[in-house]
Protein backbone atom coordinates (compact mmCIF):
# COMPACT_ATOMS: atom_id res chain seq x y z
CA UNK A 1 31.65 2.20 -8.48
CA UNK A 2 28.86 -0.25 -9.18
CA UNK A 3 25.45 1.22 -10.08
CA UNK A 4 22.19 0.14 -8.46
CA UNK A 5 21.24 -1.55 -11.74
CA UNK A 6 24.52 -3.44 -11.66
CA UNK A 7 23.83 -4.61 -8.12
CA UNK A 8 20.39 -5.84 -9.11
CA UNK A 9 21.81 -7.84 -12.01
CA UNK A 10 25.07 -9.17 -10.56
CA UNK A 11 24.80 -9.55 -6.80
CA UNK A 12 23.14 -12.52 -5.17
CA UNK A 13 22.74 -10.64 -1.93
CA UNK A 14 21.83 -6.99 -2.34
CA UNK A 15 23.57 -4.46 -0.16
CA UNK A 16 22.97 -0.77 -0.66
CA UNK A 17 24.83 2.23 0.65
CA UNK A 18 23.10 4.74 2.92
CA UNK A 19 22.79 7.13 -0.02
CA UNK A 20 21.14 4.46 -2.13
CA UNK A 21 18.79 3.53 0.72
CA UNK A 22 17.84 7.22 1.00
CA UNK A 23 17.08 7.35 -2.73
CA UNK A 24 14.73 4.36 -2.34
CA UNK A 25 13.08 5.84 0.74
CA UNK A 26 12.59 9.21 -0.96
CA UNK A 27 11.11 7.53 -4.02
CA UNK A 28 8.68 5.49 -1.90
CA UNK A 29 7.65 8.59 0.07
CA UNK A 30 7.08 10.60 -3.12
CA UNK A 31 4.98 7.77 -4.59
CA UNK A 32 2.96 7.48 -1.38
CA UNK A 33 2.33 11.24 -1.23
CA UNK A 34 1.29 11.34 -4.89
CA UNK A 35 -1.13 8.43 -4.52
CA UNK A 36 -2.61 9.99 -1.36
CA UNK A 37 -3.25 13.25 -3.26
CA UNK A 38 -5.08 11.33 -5.97
CA UNK A 39 -7.10 9.43 -3.36
CA UNK A 40 -8.00 12.63 -1.53
CA UNK A 41 -9.40 14.04 -4.79
CA UNK A 42 -11.70 11.07 -5.45
CA UNK A 43 -15.33 11.92 -6.15
CA UNK A 44 -17.76 9.07 -5.60
CA UNK A 45 -20.39 8.54 -8.28
CA UNK A 46 -23.19 6.00 -7.94
CA UNK A 47 -23.95 4.31 -11.25
CA UNK A 48 -26.94 2.10 -12.01
CA UNK A 49 -25.98 -0.15 -14.92
CA UNK A 50 -28.52 -2.81 -15.85
CA UNK A 51 -30.01 -2.61 -12.33
CA UNK A 52 -26.63 -3.19 -10.68
CA UNK A 53 -25.42 -0.37 -8.42
CA UNK A 54 -21.73 0.55 -8.56
CA UNK A 55 -19.99 3.05 -6.29
CA UNK A 56 -17.13 4.34 -8.43
CA UNK A 57 -14.50 6.69 -7.09
CA UNK A 58 -13.33 8.91 -9.93
CA UNK A 59 -10.10 10.84 -9.90
CA UNK A 60 -7.83 12.49 -12.44
CA UNK A 61 -4.46 10.78 -12.60
CA UNK A 62 -1.36 10.36 -14.72
CA UNK A 63 -1.03 7.12 -16.67
CA UNK A 64 2.07 5.93 -14.82
CA UNK A 65 0.16 5.73 -11.50
CA UNK A 66 -2.84 3.75 -12.81
CA UNK A 67 -1.72 0.43 -11.32
CA UNK A 68 -0.66 1.81 -7.94
CA UNK A 69 -3.79 3.52 -6.68
CA UNK A 70 -6.20 0.58 -6.48
CA UNK A 71 -3.73 -1.49 -4.44
CA UNK A 72 -3.66 1.25 -1.82
CA UNK A 73 -7.44 1.57 -1.80
CA UNK A 74 -7.95 -2.22 -1.61
CA UNK A 75 -5.87 -2.37 1.58
CA UNK A 76 -8.14 0.13 3.32
CA UNK A 77 -11.30 0.91 1.37
CA UNK A 78 -12.56 3.63 3.73
CA UNK A 79 -14.78 5.08 1.02
CA UNK A 80 -16.42 1.70 0.41
CA UNK A 81 -16.10 2.06 -3.35
CA UNK A 82 -16.54 -0.86 -5.72
CA UNK A 83 -14.10 0.45 -8.29
CA UNK A 84 -11.81 3.33 -8.99
CA UNK A 85 -12.34 5.23 -12.23
CA UNK A 86 -9.07 6.75 -13.32
CA UNK A 87 -9.50 9.66 -15.69
CA UNK A 88 -6.09 9.53 -17.35
CA UNK A 89 -4.99 13.13 -17.91
CA UNK A 90 -2.13 12.29 -20.28
CA UNK A 91 -4.17 9.80 -22.35
CA UNK A 92 -7.60 9.78 -23.99
CA UNK A 93 -8.94 7.10 -21.71
CA UNK A 94 -10.60 6.22 -18.46
CA UNK A 95 -9.26 3.17 -16.69
CA UNK A 96 -11.24 1.14 -14.15
CA UNK A 97 -9.72 -1.03 -11.46
CA UNK A 98 -11.73 -3.10 -9.03
CA UNK A 99 -11.34 -2.27 -5.37
CA UNK A 100 -13.56 -5.17 -4.32
CA UNK A 101 -12.74 -8.56 -5.80
CA UNK A 102 -16.36 -9.42 -6.64
CA UNK A 103 -16.92 -6.38 -8.90
CA UNK A 104 -16.75 -6.76 -12.69
CA UNK A 105 -15.35 -3.41 -13.85
CA UNK A 106 -15.70 -4.49 -17.48
CA UNK A 107 -19.44 -3.89 -17.07
CA UNK A 108 -18.75 -0.24 -16.18
CA UNK A 109 -16.35 0.27 -19.07
CA UNK A 110 -18.70 -1.43 -21.52
CA UNK A 111 -21.52 0.90 -20.44
CA UNK A 112 -19.31 3.82 -21.48
CA UNK A 113 -18.27 2.25 -24.79
CA UNK A 114 -15.14 0.49 -23.62
CA UNK A 115 -13.96 -3.02 -22.89
CA UNK A 116 -11.61 -4.99 -20.73
CA UNK A 117 -11.44 -7.72 -18.13
CA UNK A 118 -13.15 -8.50 -14.84
CA UNK A 119 -10.56 -6.66 -12.71
CA UNK A 120 -9.33 -3.97 -15.15
CA UNK A 121 -11.06 -2.26 -18.04
CA UNK A 122 -11.28 1.08 -19.79
CA UNK A 123 -13.25 3.34 -22.06
CA UNK A 124 -12.45 6.37 -24.21
CA UNK A 125 -12.81 9.72 -22.48
CA UNK A 126 -14.65 11.10 -25.46
CA UNK A 127 -17.52 8.60 -25.46
CA UNK A 128 -20.85 10.43 -25.39
CA UNK A 129 -22.10 8.72 -22.22
CA UNK A 130 -18.87 9.41 -20.38
CA UNK A 131 -18.83 13.04 -21.49
CA UNK A 132 -22.37 13.40 -20.10
CA UNK A 133 -21.18 11.95 -16.78
CA UNK A 134 -18.21 14.35 -16.69
CA UNK A 135 -20.55 17.32 -17.06
CA UNK A 136 -23.31 16.04 -14.77
CA UNK A 137 -20.97 15.07 -11.92
CA UNK A 138 -18.44 17.89 -12.51
CA UNK A 139 -15.57 15.43 -12.69
């Protein structure tokens, strides 16, 4: 019996059994449900950083989902947030991802003592400014 990994490496045309297709479908559904739970727990915080207003949607999340959530939000940004602030529960960091392509999330991270790039940046959870925000906003 050839494994899924073997099919991905050796076959030019992928064909999966019904059981394998079910595994993929179940995985996709679990991922979707998990991301939706994180999105439903978002709390929007309005930040004024150097006279620029940012609407940041903060949520607690596991590290492995950090790259999945903003893609979902960018497709349908019902909350009209500029960025998502991911408070990584299994790391000592906060990760920012833009949800609008014209927003420089590095400015947000830098404000909280972090760094990064235009579309993705982060700061330590234990920075004094971020700790104050956690308390003030009950994040």
